[in-house]
C-alpha atoms as a PDB file:
ATOM      1  CA  UNK A   1       0.000   0.000   0.000  1.00  0.00           C
ATOM      2  CA  UNK A   2       1.110   3.517  -0.661  1.00  0.00           C
ATOM      3  CA  UNK A   3       1.779   5.803   2.238  1.00  0.00           C
ATOM      4  CA  UNK A   4      -0.400   8.888   2.289  1.00  0.00           C
ATOM      5  CA  UNK A   5       1.368  12.081   1.288  1.00  0.00           C
ATOM      6  CA  UNK A   6       2.744  14.068   4.165  1.00  0.00           C
ATOM      7  CA  UNK A   7       1.245  17.432   4.764  1.00  0.00           C
ATOM      8  CA  UNK A   8       3.222  20.578   5.362  1.00  0.00           C
ATOM      9  CA  UNK A   9       2.832  20.309   9.133  1.00  0.00           C
ATOM     10  CA  UNK A  10       4.301  16.792   9.222  1.00  0.00           C
ATOM     11  CA  UNK A  11       7.261  17.846   7.067  1.00  0.00           C
ATOM     12  CA  UNK A  12       7.955  20.879   9.250  1.00  0.00           C
ATOM     13  CA  UNK A  13       7.745  18.738  12.395  1.00  0.00           C
ATOM     14  CA  UNK A  14      10.159  16.238  10.880  1.00  0.00           C
ATOM     15  CA  UNK A  15      12.687  18.979  10.125  1.00  0.00           C
ATOM     16  CA  UNK A  16      12.298  20.653  13.519  1.00  0.00           C
ATOM     17  CA  UNK A  17      12.698  17.360  15.401  1.00  0.00           C
ATOM     18  CA  UNK A  18      15.727  16.291  13.358  1.00  0.00           C
ATOM     19  CA  UNK A  19      18.913  16.782  15.407  1.00  0.00           C
ATOM     20  CA  UNK A  20      21.004  17.074  12.220  1.00  0.00           C
ATOM     21  CA  UNK A  21      19.605  20.558  11.653  1.00  0.00           C
ATOM     22  CA  UNK A  22      20.645  21.759  15.114  1.00  0.00           C
ATOM     23  CA  UNK A  23      24.285  21.856  14.105  1.00  0.00           C
ATOM     24  CA  UNK A  24      26.129  25.150  13.908  1.00  0.00           C
ATOM     25  CA  UNK A  25      23.641  26.797  16.196  1.00  0.00           C
ATOM     26  CA  UNK A  26      20.738  26.225  13.814  1.00  0.00           C
ATOM     27  CA  UNK A  27      22.501  27.816  10.848  1.00  0.00           C
ATOM     28  CA  UNK A  28      23.136  24.482   9.125  1.00  0.00           C
ATOM     29  CA  UNK A  29      20.020  24.689   6.945  1.00  0.00           C
ATOM     30  CA  UNK A  30      20.799  28.273   5.933  1.00  0.00           C
ATOM     31  CA  UNK A  31      24.416  27.469   5.118  1.00  0.00           C
ATOM     32  CA  UNK A  32      23.401  24.387   3.170  1.00  0.00           C
ATOM     33  CA  UNK A  33      20.901  26.294   1.064  1.00  0.00           C
ATOM     34  CA  UNK A  34      23.314  29.152   0.399  1.00  0.00           C
ATOM     35  CA  UNK A  35      26.742  27.584   0.092  1.00  0.00           C
ATOM     36  CA  UNK A  36      25.861  24.660  -2.176  1.00  0.00           C
ATOM     37  CA  UNK A  37      24.373  26.857  -4.950  1.00  0.00           C
ATOM     38  CA  UNK A  38      27.246  29.338  -4.627  1.00  0.00           C
ATOM     39  CA  UNK A  39      29.729  26.480  -4.886  1.00  0.00           C
ATOM     40  CA  UNK A  40      27.971  25.156  -7.990  1.00  0.00           C
ATOM     41  CA  UNK A  41      28.018  28.598  -9.599  1.00  0.00           C
ATOM     42  CA  UNK A  42      31.729  28.928  -8.864  1.00  0.00           C
ATOM     43  CA  UNK A  43      32.434  25.506 -10.378  1.00  0.00           C
ATOM     44  CA  UNK A  44      30.498  26.482 -13.501  1.00  0.00           C
ATOM     45  CA  UNK A  45      32.340  29.782 -13.849  1.00  0.00           C
ATOM     46  CA  UNK A  46      35.787  28.230 -13.336  1.00  0.00           C
ATOM     47  CA  UNK A  47      35.180  25.421 -15.832  1.00  0.00           C
ATOM     48  CA  UNK A  48      33.628  27.823 -18.360  1.00  0.00           C
ATOM     49  CA  UNK A  49      36.529  30.259 -18.081  1.00  0.00           C
ATOM     50  CA  UNK A  50      39.096  27.475 -18.391  1.00  0.00           C
ATOM     51  CA  UNK A  51      37.488  25.827 -21.442  1.00  0.00           C
ATOM     52  CA  UNK A  52      36.676  29.068 -23.254  1.00  0.00           C
ATOM     53  CA  UNK A  53      40.279  29.412 -24.390  1.00  0.00           C
ATOM     54  CA  UNK A  54      40.266  25.955 -25.996  1.00  0.00           C
ATOM     55  CA  UNK A  55      36.774  25.290 -27.361  1.00  0.00           C
ATOM     56  CA  UNK A  56      33.921  27.157 -29.032  1.00  0.00           C
ATOM     57  CA  UNK A  57      31.463  29.060 -26.890  1.00  0.00           C
ATOM     58  CA  UNK A  58      28.562  26.639 -27.388  1.00  0.00           C
ATOM     59  CA  UNK A  59      30.618  23.549 -26.596  1.00  0.00           C
ATOM     60  CA  UNK A  60      32.154  25.281 -23.591  1.00  0.00           C
ATOM     61  CA  UNK A  61      28.696  26.086 -22.236  1.00  0.00           C
ATOM     62  CA  UNK A  62      27.531  22.488 -22.659  1.00  0.00           C
ATOM     63  CA  UNK A  63      30.629  20.977 -21.061  1.00  0.00           C
ATOM     64  CA  UNK A  64      30.536  23.446 -18.183  1.00  0.00           C
ATOM     65  CA  UNK A  65      26.912  22.575 -17.473  1.00  0.00           C
ATOM     66  CA  UNK A  66      27.747  18.868 -17.675  1.00  0.00           C
ATOM     67  CA  UNK A  67      30.661  19.132 -15.234  1.00  0.00           C
ATOM     68  CA  UNK A  68      28.582  21.254 -12.860  1.00  0.00           C
ATOM     69  CA  UNK A  69      25.694  18.798 -12.996  1.00  0.00           C
ATOM     70  CA  UNK A  70      28.001  15.869 -12.336  1.00  0.00           C
ATOM     71  CA  UNK A  71      29.464  17.656  -9.318  1.00  0.00           C
ATOM     72  CA  UNK A  72      26.092  18.001  -7.535  1.00  0.00           C
ATOM     73  CA  UNK A  73      26.167  14.446  -6.157  1.00  0.00           C
ATOM     74  CA  UNK A  74      29.688  14.608  -4.735  1.00  0.00           C
ATOM     75  CA  UNK A  75      29.050  18.033  -3.178  1.00  0.00           C
ATOM     76  CA  UNK A  76      25.882  16.862  -1.427  1.00  0.00           C
ATOM     77  CA  UNK A  77      27.644  13.654  -0.392  1.00  0.00           C
ATOM     78  CA  UNK A  78      30.534  15.646   1.068  1.00  0.00           C
ATOM     79  CA  UNK A  79      28.121  17.893   2.944  1.00  0.00           C
ATOM     80  CA  UNK A  80      26.313  14.853   4.349  1.00  0.00           C
ATOM     81  CA  UNK A  81      29.603  13.220   5.332  1.00  0.00           C
ATOM     82  CA  UNK A  82      30.756  16.366   7.129  1.00  0.00           C
ATOM     83  CA  UNK A  83      27.402  16.666   8.925  1.00  0.00           C
ATOM     84  CA  UNK A  84      27.542  13.032  10.087  1.00  0.00           C
ATOM     85  CA  UNK A  85      31.161  13.406  11.147  1.00  0.00           C
ATOM     86  CA  UNK A  86      30.406  16.599  13.054  1.00  0.00           C
ATOM     87  CA  UNK A  87      27.401  15.002  14.767  1.00  0.00           C
ATOM     88  CA  UNK A  88      29.509  12.060  15.910  1.00  0.00           C
ATOM     89  CA  UNK A  89      31.878  14.268  17.913  1.00  0.00           C
END
């Protein structure tokens, strides 16, 4: 059987009761939502600037987007690893 969809109240309660979000004095959620996109933008800009000297503009844009997209998983994994490691101390 399918579980019923959670309402907004249940999702908020789950986040509030989660001890992982209490790290860094409660700023963990803010830092996660701000630093990960900024890091992705920086990766895109660095790769785009590096490849622009070697390839055409269209191909550089595509490859930069591909590298940035492929880096999302490792960045989120690293953030999760650091959060688990910090919680264990």
